[in-house]
Amino acid sequence: MNKNPNLGKEPIIFFRKEVEMSRFWDLVKESTIVQGLITLGVIGVTCYLWATGQQVPQELWTADGIILGFFFGAKATQIVRR
């Protein structure tokens, strides 16, 4: 005799995958720590290459500009929302 009434039934799904991913990206967009770490990492690599005399690819300079723009734009948006 089975005492578990849920045995053999489909498991209950509390969140749809789309909702989970949407919430995840919302949290990432609002996370200043994650944005700051990514920004420091990419800028750090660029500074390291430049300081050691290695050639810095144009794509990396472009990525630096985009990432810095996004970081400071997100910070400005967060300040305006408050």
PDB file of N, CA and C in Angstrom:
ATOM      1  N   MET A   1       0.820  -1.178   0.000  1.00  0.00           N
ATOM      2  CA  MET A   1       0.000   0.000   0.000  1.00  0.00           C
ATOM      3  C   MET A   1       0.870   1.249   0.000  1.00  0.00           C
ATOM      4  N   ASN A   2       0.559   2.109  -0.942  1.00  0.00           N
ATOM      5  CA  ASN A   2       1.274   3.374  -1.057  1.00  0.00           C
ATOM      6  C   ASN A   2       0.675   4.424  -0.143  1.00  0.00           C
ATOM      7  N   LYS A   3       1.521   5.025   0.676  1.00  0.00           N
ATOM      8  CA  LYS A   3       1.043   6.077   1.563  1.00  0.00           C
ATOM      9  C   LYS A   3       1.310   7.468   1.005  1.00  0.00           C
ATOM     10  N   ASN A   4       2.070   7.565  -0.074  1.00  0.00           N
ATOM     11  CA  ASN A   4       2.387   8.852  -0.687  1.00  0.00           C
ATOM     12  C   ASN A   4       1.357   9.138  -1.776  1.00  0.00           C
ATOM     13  N   PRO A   5       0.470  10.155  -1.586  1.00  0.00           N
ATOM     14  CA  PRO A   5      -0.570  10.426  -2.580  1.00  0.00           C
ATOM     15  C   PRO A   5      -0.031  11.018  -3.875  1.00  0.00           C
ATOM     16  N   ASN A   6       1.216  11.558  -3.857  1.00  0.00           N
ATOM     17  CA  ASN A   6       1.777  12.187  -5.051  1.00  0.00           C
ATOM     18  C   ASN A   6       2.595  11.228  -5.900  1.00  0.00           C
ATOM     19  N   LEU A   7       2.741  10.002  -5.441  1.00  0.00           N
ATOM     20  CA  LEU A   7       3.532   9.037  -6.174  1.00  0.00           C
ATOM     21  C   LEU A   7       2.866   8.724  -7.511  1.00  0.00           C
ATOM     22  N   GLY A   8       3.645   8.854  -8.584  1.00  0.00           N
ATOM     23  CA  GLY A   8       3.121   8.567  -9.907  1.00  0.00           C
ATOM     24  C   GLY A   8       2.520   9.779 -10.600  1.00  0.00           C
ATOM     25  N   LYS A   9       2.396  10.887  -9.909  1.00  0.00           N
ATOM     26  CA  LYS A   9       1.859  12.101 -10.520  1.00  0.00           C
ATOM     27  C   LYS A   9       3.015  12.960 -11.020  1.00  0.00           C
ATOM     28  N   GLU A  10       2.688  13.880 -11.905  1.00  0.00           N
ATOM     29  CA  GLU A  10       3.690  14.812 -12.403  1.00  0.00           C
ATOM     30  C   GLU A  10       4.126  15.732 -11.274  1.00  0.00           C
ATOM     31  N   PRO A  11       5.408  16.089 -11.214  1.00  0.00           N
ATOM     32  CA  PRO A  11       5.858  17.005 -10.164  1.00  0.00           C
ATOM     33  C   PRO A  11       5.258  18.400 -10.365  1.00  0.00           C
ATOM     34  N   ILE A  12       5.070  19.094  -9.273  1.00  0.00           N
ATOM     35  CA  ILE A  12       4.527  20.445  -9.326  1.00  0.00           C
ATOM     36  C   ILE A  12       5.643  21.393  -9.749  1.00  0.00           C
ATOM     37  N   ILE A  13       5.379  22.179 -10.761  1.00  0.00           N
ATOM     38  CA  ILE A  13       6.353  23.152 -11.249  1.00  0.00           C
ATOM     39  C   ILE A  13       5.918  24.521 -10.745  1.00  0.00           C
ATOM     40  N   PHE A  14       6.773  25.130  -9.927  1.00  0.00           N
ATOM     41  CA  PHE A  14       6.437  26.423  -9.342  1.00  0.00           C
ATOM     42  C   PHE A  14       6.784  27.589 -10.271  1.00  0.00           C
ATOM     43  N   PHE A  15       7.844  27.442 -11.040  1.00  0.00           N
ATOM     44  CA  PHE A  15       8.283  28.525 -11.917  1.00  0.00           C
ATOM     45  C   PHE A  15       8.501  27.979 -13.320  1.00  0.00           C
ATOM     46  N   ARG A  16       8.084  28.766 -14.284  1.00  0.00           N
ATOM     47  CA  ARG A  16       8.407  28.407 -15.664  1.00  0.00           C
ATOM     48  C   ARG A  16       9.834  28.858 -15.935  1.00  0.00           C
ATOM     49  N   LYS A  17      10.490  28.203 -16.850  1.00  0.00           N
ATOM     50  CA  LYS A  17      11.877  28.511 -17.161  1.00  0.00           C
ATOM     51  C   LYS A  17      12.034  29.958 -17.632  1.00  0.00           C
ATOM     52  N   GLU A  18      11.074  30.467 -18.420  1.00  0.00           N
ATOM     53  CA  GLU A  18      11.159  31.835 -18.924  1.00  0.00           C
ATOM     54  C   GLU A  18      11.094  32.838 -17.775  1.00  0.00           C
ATOM     55  N   VAL A  19      10.255  32.554 -16.805  1.00  0.00           N
ATOM     56  CA  VAL A  19      10.116  33.449 -15.663  1.00  0.00           C
ATOM     57  C   VAL A  19      11.403  33.446 -14.848  1.00  0.00           C
ATOM     58  N   GLU A  20      11.991  32.276 -14.639  1.00  0.00           N
ATOM     59  CA  GLU A  20      13.230  32.176 -13.885  1.00  0.00           C
ATOM     60  C   GLU A  20      14.348  32.948 -14.573  1.00  0.00           C
ATOM     61  N   MET A  21      14.489  32.782 -15.879  1.00  0.00           N
ATOM     62  CA  MET A  21      15.546  33.480 -16.606  1.00  0.00           C
ATOM     63  C   MET A  21      15.295  34.983 -16.628  1.00  0.00           C
ATOM     64  N   SER A  22      14.052  35.377 -16.759  1.00  0.00           N
ATOM     65  CA  SER A  22      13.733  36.797 -16.744  1.00  0.00           C
ATOM     66  C   SER A  22      14.118  37.413 -15.407  1.00  0.00           C
ATOM     67  N   ARG A  23      13.783  36.742 -14.340  1.00  0.00           N
ATOM     68  CA  ARG A  23      14.125  37.223 -12.994  1.00  0.00           C
ATOM     69  C   ARG A  23      15.630  37.245 -12.802  1.00  0.00           C
ATOM     70  N   PHE A  24      16.314  36.237 -13.316  1.00  0.00           N
ATOM     71  CA  PHE A  24      17.772  36.178 -13.214  1.00  0.00           C
ATOM     72  C   PHE A  24      18.404  37.388 -13.883  1.00  0.00           C
ATOM     73  N   TRP A  25      17.971  37.704 -15.102  1.00  0.00           N
ATOM     74  CA  TRP A  25      18.555  38.843 -15.814  1.00  0.00           C
ATOM     75  C   TRP A  25      18.176  40.158 -15.161  1.00  0.00           C
ATOM     76  N   ASP A  26      16.991  40.242 -14.562  1.00  0.00           N
ATOM     77  CA  ASP A  26      16.632  41.444 -13.816  1.00  0.00           C
ATOM     78  C   ASP A  26      17.586  41.653 -12.644  1.00  0.00           C
ATOM     79  N   LEU A  27      17.906  40.581 -11.956  1.00  0.00           N
ATOM     80  CA  LEU A  27      18.831  40.685 -10.833  1.00  0.00           C
ATOM     81  C   LEU A  27      20.239  41.041 -11.287  1.00  0.00           C
ATOM     82  N   VAL A  28      20.659  40.487 -12.406  1.00  0.00           N
ATOM     83  CA  VAL A  28      21.992  40.796 -12.923  1.00  0.00           C
ATOM     84  C   VAL A  28      22.074  42.260 -13.329  1.00  0.00           C
ATOM     85  N   LYS A  29      21.014  42.764 -13.985  1.00  0.00           N
ATOM     86  CA  LYS A  29      21.022  44.166 -14.398  1.00  0.00           C
ATOM     87  C   LYS A  29      21.089  45.114 -13.204  1.00  0.00           C
ATOM     88  N   GLU A  30      20.452  44.752 -12.106  1.00  0.00           N
ATOM     89  CA  GLU A  30      20.424  45.603 -10.926  1.00  0.00           C
ATOM     90  C   GLU A  30      21.654  45.418 -10.031  1.00  0.00           C
ATOM     91  N   SER A  31      22.448  44.396 -10.255  1.00  0.00           N
ATOM     92  CA  SER A  31      23.562  44.094  -9.374  1.00  0.00           C
ATOM     93  C   SER A  31      24.778  44.936  -9.725  1.00  0.00           C
ATOM     94  N   THR A  32      25.040  45.908  -8.908  1.00  0.00           N
ATOM     95  CA  THR A  32      26.192  46.775  -9.115  1.00  0.00           C
ATOM     96  C   THR A  32      27.489  46.010  -8.902  1.00  0.00           C
ATOM     97  N   ILE A  33      27.478  45.039  -8.011  1.00  0.00           N
ATOM     98  CA  ILE A  33      28.690  44.270  -7.730  1.00  0.00           C
ATOM     99  C   ILE A  33      29.116  43.479  -8.965  1.00  0.00           C
ATOM    100  N   VAL A  34      28.181  42.772  -9.573  1.00  0.00           N
ATOM    101  CA  VAL A  34      28.503  41.978 -10.765  1.00  0.00           C
ATOM    102  C   VAL A  34      28.963  42.885 -11.896  1.00  0.00           C
ATOM    103  N   GLN A  35      28.254  43.980 -12.108  1.00  0.00           N
ATOM    104  CA  GLN A  35      28.639  44.911 -13.166  1.00  0.00           C
ATOM    105  C   GLN A  35      30.025  45.483 -12.909  1.00  0.00           C
ATOM    106  N   GLY A  36      30.288  45.832 -11.657  1.00  0.00           N
ATOM    107  CA  GLY A  36      31.589  46.387 -11.315  1.00  0.00           C
ATOM    108  C   GLY A  36      32.717  45.397 -11.509  1.00  0.00           C
ATOM    109  N   LEU A  37      32.489  44.146 -11.126  1.00  0.00           N
ATOM    110  CA  LEU A  37      33.524  43.126 -11.293  1.00  0.00           C
ATOM    111  C   LEU A  37      33.821  42.857 -12.763  1.00  0.00           C
ATOM    112  N   ILE A  38      32.785  42.789 -13.569  1.00  0.00           N
ATOM    113  CA  ILE A  38      32.997  42.577 -15.008  1.00  0.00           C
ATOM    114  C   ILE A  38      33.751  43.760 -15.604  1.00  0.00           C
ATOM    115  N   THR A  39      33.341  44.971 -15.232  1.00  0.00           N
ATOM    116  CA  THR A  39      34.000  46.175 -15.737  1.00  0.00           C
ATOM    117  C   THR A  39      35.462  46.198 -15.326  1.00  0.00           C
ATOM    118  N   LEU A  40      35.746  45.955 -14.053  1.00  0.00           N
ATOM    119  CA  LEU A  40      37.134  45.945 -13.591  1.00  0.00           C
ATOM    120  C   LEU A  40      37.955  44.861 -14.264  1.00  0.00           C
ATOM    121  N   GLY A  41      37.345  43.705 -14.479  1.00  0.00           N
ATOM    122  CA  GLY A  41      38.066  42.617 -15.135  1.00  0.00           C
ATOM    123  C   GLY A  41      38.485  42.957 -16.557  1.00  0.00           C
ATOM    124  N   VAL A  42      37.551  43.469 -17.330  1.00  0.00           N
ATOM    125  CA  VAL A  42      37.858  43.791 -18.736  1.00  0.00           C
ATOM    126  C   VAL A  42      38.832  44.962 -18.820  1.00  0.00           C
ATOM    127  N   ILE A  43      38.613  45.995 -18.031  1.00  0.00           N
ATOM    128  CA  ILE A  43      39.519  47.141 -18.033  1.00  0.00           C
ATOM    129  C   ILE A  43      40.896  46.724 -17.511  1.00  0.00           C
ATOM    130  N   GLY A  44      40.910  45.821 -16.509  1.00  0.00           N
ATOM    131  CA  GLY A  44      42.183  45.324 -15.979  1.00  0.00           C
ATOM    132  C   GLY A  44      42.996  44.588 -17.035  1.00  0.00           C
ATOM    133  N   VAL A  45      42.337  43.775 -17.833  1.00  0.00           N
ATOM    134  CA  VAL A  45      43.036  43.059 -18.915  1.00  0.00           C
ATOM    135  C   VAL A  45      43.605  44.055 -19.921  1.00  0.00           C
ATOM    136  N   THR A  46      42.836  45.054 -20.264  1.00  0.00           N
ATOM    137  CA  THR A  46      43.309  46.067 -21.214  1.00  0.00           C
ATOM    138  C   THR A  46      44.509  46.811 -20.656  1.00  0.00           C
ATOM    139  N   CYS A  47      44.427  47.212 -19.393  1.00  0.00           N
ATOM    140  CA  CYS A  47      45.548  47.933 -18.764  1.00  0.00           C
ATOM    141  C   CYS A  47      46.786  47.054 -18.674  1.00  0.00           C
ATOM    142  N   TYR A  48      46.590  45.782 -18.359  1.00  0.00           N
ATOM    143  CA  TYR A  48      47.720  44.860 -18.284  1.00  0.00           C
ATOM    144  C   TYR A  48      48.411  44.735 -19.643  1.00  0.00           C
ATOM    145  N   LEU A  49      47.621  44.527 -20.686  1.00  0.00           N
ATOM    146  CA  LEU A  49      48.210  44.407 -22.023  1.00  0.00           C
ATOM    147  C   LEU A  49      48.959  45.673 -22.406  1.00  0.00           C
ATOM    148  N   TRP A  50      48.358  46.821 -22.130  1.00  0.00           N
ATOM    149  CA  TRP A  50      48.978  48.093 -22.474  1.00  0.00           C
ATOM    150  C   TRP A  50      50.253  48.326 -21.663  1.00  0.00           C
ATOM    151  N   ALA A  51      50.221  48.030 -20.358  1.00  0.00           N
ATOM    152  CA  ALA A  51      51.367  48.280 -19.479  1.00  0.00           C
ATOM    153  C   ALA A  51      52.543  47.359 -19.785  1.00  0.00           C
ATOM    154  N   THR A  52      52.262  46.157 -20.270  1.00  0.00           N
ATOM    155  CA  THR A  52      53.346  45.226 -20.592  1.00  0.00           C
ATOM    156  C   THR A  52      53.855  45.389 -22.013  1.00  0.00           C
ATOM    157  N   GLY A  53      53.321  46.355 -22.720  1.00  0.00           N
ATOM    158  CA  GLY A  53      53.801  46.642 -24.065  1.00  0.00           C
ATOM    159  C   GLY A  53      53.228  45.741 -25.136  1.00  0.00           C
ATOM    160  N   GLN A  54      52.234  44.936 -24.790  1.00  0.00           N
ATOM    161  CA  GLN A  54      51.613  44.073 -25.789  1.00  0.00           C
ATOM    162  C   GLN A  54      50.566  44.857 -26.568  1.00  0.00           C
ATOM    163  N   GLN A  55      50.299  44.396 -27.772  1.00  0.00           N
ATOM    164  CA  GLN A  55      49.308  45.069 -28.591  1.00  0.00           C
ATOM    165  C   GLN A  55      47.906  44.766 -28.052  1.00  0.00           C
ATOM    166  N   VAL A  56      47.116  45.829 -27.865  1.00  0.00           N
ATOM    167  CA  VAL A  56      45.733  45.680 -27.405  1.00  0.00           C
ATOM    168  C   VAL A  56      44.843  45.670 -28.650  1.00  0.00           C
ATOM    169  N   PRO A  57      44.102  44.591 -28.882  1.00  0.00           N
ATOM    170  CA  PRO A  57      43.245  44.525 -30.075  1.00  0.00           C
ATOM    171  C   PRO A  57      42.175  45.622 -30.070  1.00  0.00           C
ATOM    172  N   GLN A  58      41.853  46.100 -31.251  1.00  0.00           N
ATOM    173  CA  GLN A  58      40.835  47.142 -31.389  1.00  0.00           C
ATOM    174  C   GLN A  58      39.496  46.688 -30.817  1.00  0.00           C
ATOM    175  N   GLU A  59      39.189  45.404 -30.951  1.00  0.00           N
ATOM    176  CA  GLU A  59      37.931  44.883 -30.412  1.00  0.00           C
ATOM    177  C   GLU A  59      37.868  45.018 -28.894  1.00  0.00           C
ATOM    178  N   LEU A  60      39.011  44.876 -28.231  1.00  0.00           N
ATOM    179  CA  LEU A  60      39.047  45.023 -26.776  1.00  0.00           C
ATOM    180  C   LEU A  60      38.834  46.476 -26.370  1.00  0.00           C
ATOM    181  N   TRP A  61      39.421  47.416 -27.128  1.00  0.00           N
ATOM    182  CA  TRP A  61      39.163  48.839 -26.851  1.00  0.00           C
ATOM    183  C   TRP A  61      37.685  49.153 -27.025  1.00  0.00           C
ATOM    184  N   THR A  62      37.088  48.596 -28.068  1.00  0.00           N
ATOM    185  CA  THR A  62      35.657  48.811 -28.312  1.00  0.00           C
ATOM    186  C   THR A  62      34.821  48.209 -27.184  1.00  0.00           C
ATOM    187  N   ALA A  63      35.164  46.991 -26.763  1.00  0.00           N
ATOM    188  CA  ALA A  63      34.445  46.352 -25.658  1.00  0.00           C
ATOM    189  C   ALA A  63      34.582  47.175 -24.387  1.00  0.00           C
ATOM    190  N   ASP A  64      35.768  47.743 -24.141  1.00  0.00           N
ATOM    191  CA  ASP A  64      35.959  48.599 -22.965  1.00  0.00           C
ATOM    192  C   ASP A  64      35.000  49.784 -22.992  1.00  0.00           C
ATOM    193  N   GLY A  65      34.891  50.422 -24.127  1.00  0.00           N
ATOM    194  CA  GLY A  65      33.980  51.568 -24.241  1.00  0.00           C
ATOM    195  C   GLY A  65      32.531  51.183 -24.021  1.00  0.00           C
ATOM    196  N   ILE A  66      32.127  50.074 -24.596  1.00  0.00           N
ATOM    197  CA  ILE A  66      30.740  49.615 -24.439  1.00  0.00           C
ATOM    198  C   ILE A  66      30.460  49.248 -22.986  1.00  0.00           C
ATOM    199  N   ILE A  67      31.376  48.513 -22.377  1.00  0.00           N
ATOM    200  CA  ILE A  67      31.178  48.083 -20.985  1.00  0.00           C
ATOM    201  C   ILE A  67      31.174  49.278 -20.036  1.00  0.00           C
ATOM    202  N   LEU A  68      32.097  50.225 -20.223  1.00  0.00           N
ATOM    203  CA  LEU A  68      32.103  51.422 -19.376  1.00  0.00           C
ATOM    204  C   LEU A  68      30.830  52.234 -19.560  1.00  0.00           C
ATOM    205  N   GLY A  69      30.381  52.364 -20.794  1.00  0.00           N
ATOM    206  CA  GLY A  69      29.138  53.090 -21.062  1.00  0.00           C
ATOM    207  C   GLY A  69      27.951  52.427 -20.393  1.00  0.00           C
ATOM    208  N   PHE A  70      27.883  51.110 -20.479  1.00  0.00           N
ATOM    209  CA  PHE A  70      26.787  50.389 -19.843  1.00  0.00           C
ATOM    210  C   PHE A  70      26.848  50.528 -18.333  1.00  0.00           C
ATOM    211  N   PHE A  71      28.050  50.404 -17.769  1.00  0.00           N
ATOM    212  CA  PHE A  71      28.212  50.476 -16.310  1.00  0.00           C
ATOM    213  C   PHE A  71      27.764  51.834 -15.781  1.00  0.00           C
ATOM    214  N   PHE A  72      28.282  52.909 -16.378  1.00  0.00           N
ATOM    215  CA  PHE A  72      27.924  54.233 -15.881  1.00  0.00           C
ATOM    216  C   PHE A  72      26.492  54.606 -16.248  1.00  0.00           C
ATOM    217  N   GLY A  73      25.998  54.115 -17.362  1.00  0.00           N
ATOM    218  CA  GLY A  73      24.593  54.344 -17.714  1.00  0.00           C
ATOM    219  C   GLY A  73      23.654  53.654 -16.753  1.00  0.00           C
ATOM    220  N   ALA A  74      24.001  52.438 -16.363  1.00  0.00           N
ATOM    221  CA  ALA A  74      23.180  51.703 -15.397  1.00  0.00           C
ATOM    222  C   ALA A  74      23.216  52.384 -14.040  1.00  0.00           C
ATOM    223  N   LYS A  75      24.380  52.874 -13.645  1.00  0.00           N
ATOM    224  CA  LYS A  75      24.489  53.586 -12.367  1.00  0.00           C
ATOM    225  C   LYS A  75      23.627  54.849 -12.394  1.00  0.00           C
ATOM    226  N   ALA A  76      23.666  55.585 -13.488  1.00  0.00           N
ATOM    227  CA  ALA A  76      22.864  56.805 -13.588  1.00  0.00           C
ATOM    228  C   ALA A  76      21.376  56.477 -13.544  1.00  0.00           C
ATOM    229  N   THR A  77      20.981  55.408 -14.208  1.00  0.00           N
ATOM    230  CA  THR A  77      19.577  54.994 -14.197  1.00  0.00           C
ATOM    231  C   THR A  77      19.137  54.601 -12.795  1.00  0.00           C
ATOM    232  N   GLN A  78      19.975  53.881 -12.066  1.00  0.00           N
ATOM    233  CA  GLN A  78      19.644  53.494 -10.692  1.00  0.00           C
ATOM    234  C   GLN A  78      19.494  54.713  -9.796  1.00  0.00           C
ATOM    235  N   ILE A  79      20.355  55.705  -9.993  1.00  0.00           N
ATOM    236  CA  ILE A  79      20.277  56.924  -9.182  1.00  0.00           C
ATOM    237  C   ILE A  79      19.002  57.692  -9.484  1.00  0.00           C
ATOM    238  N   VAL A  80      18.644  57.780 -10.760  1.00  0.00           N
ATOM    239  CA  VAL A  80      17.428  58.498 -11.152  1.00  0.00           C
ATOM    240  C   VAL A  80      16.190  57.801 -10.604  1.00  0.00           C
ATOM    241  N   ARG A  81      16.176  56.460 -10.598  1.00  0.00           N
ATOM    242  CA  ARG A  81      15.028  55.705 -10.081  1.00  0.00           C
ATOM    243  C   ARG A  81      14.798  55.939  -8.607  1.00  0.00           C
ATOM    244  N   ARG A  82      15.868  56.186  -7.874  1.00  0.00           N
ATOM    245  CA  ARG A  82      15.733  56.409  -6.427  1.00  0.00           C
ATOM    246  C   ARG A  82      15.262  57.797  -6.211  1.00  0.00           C
TER     247      ARG A  82
END
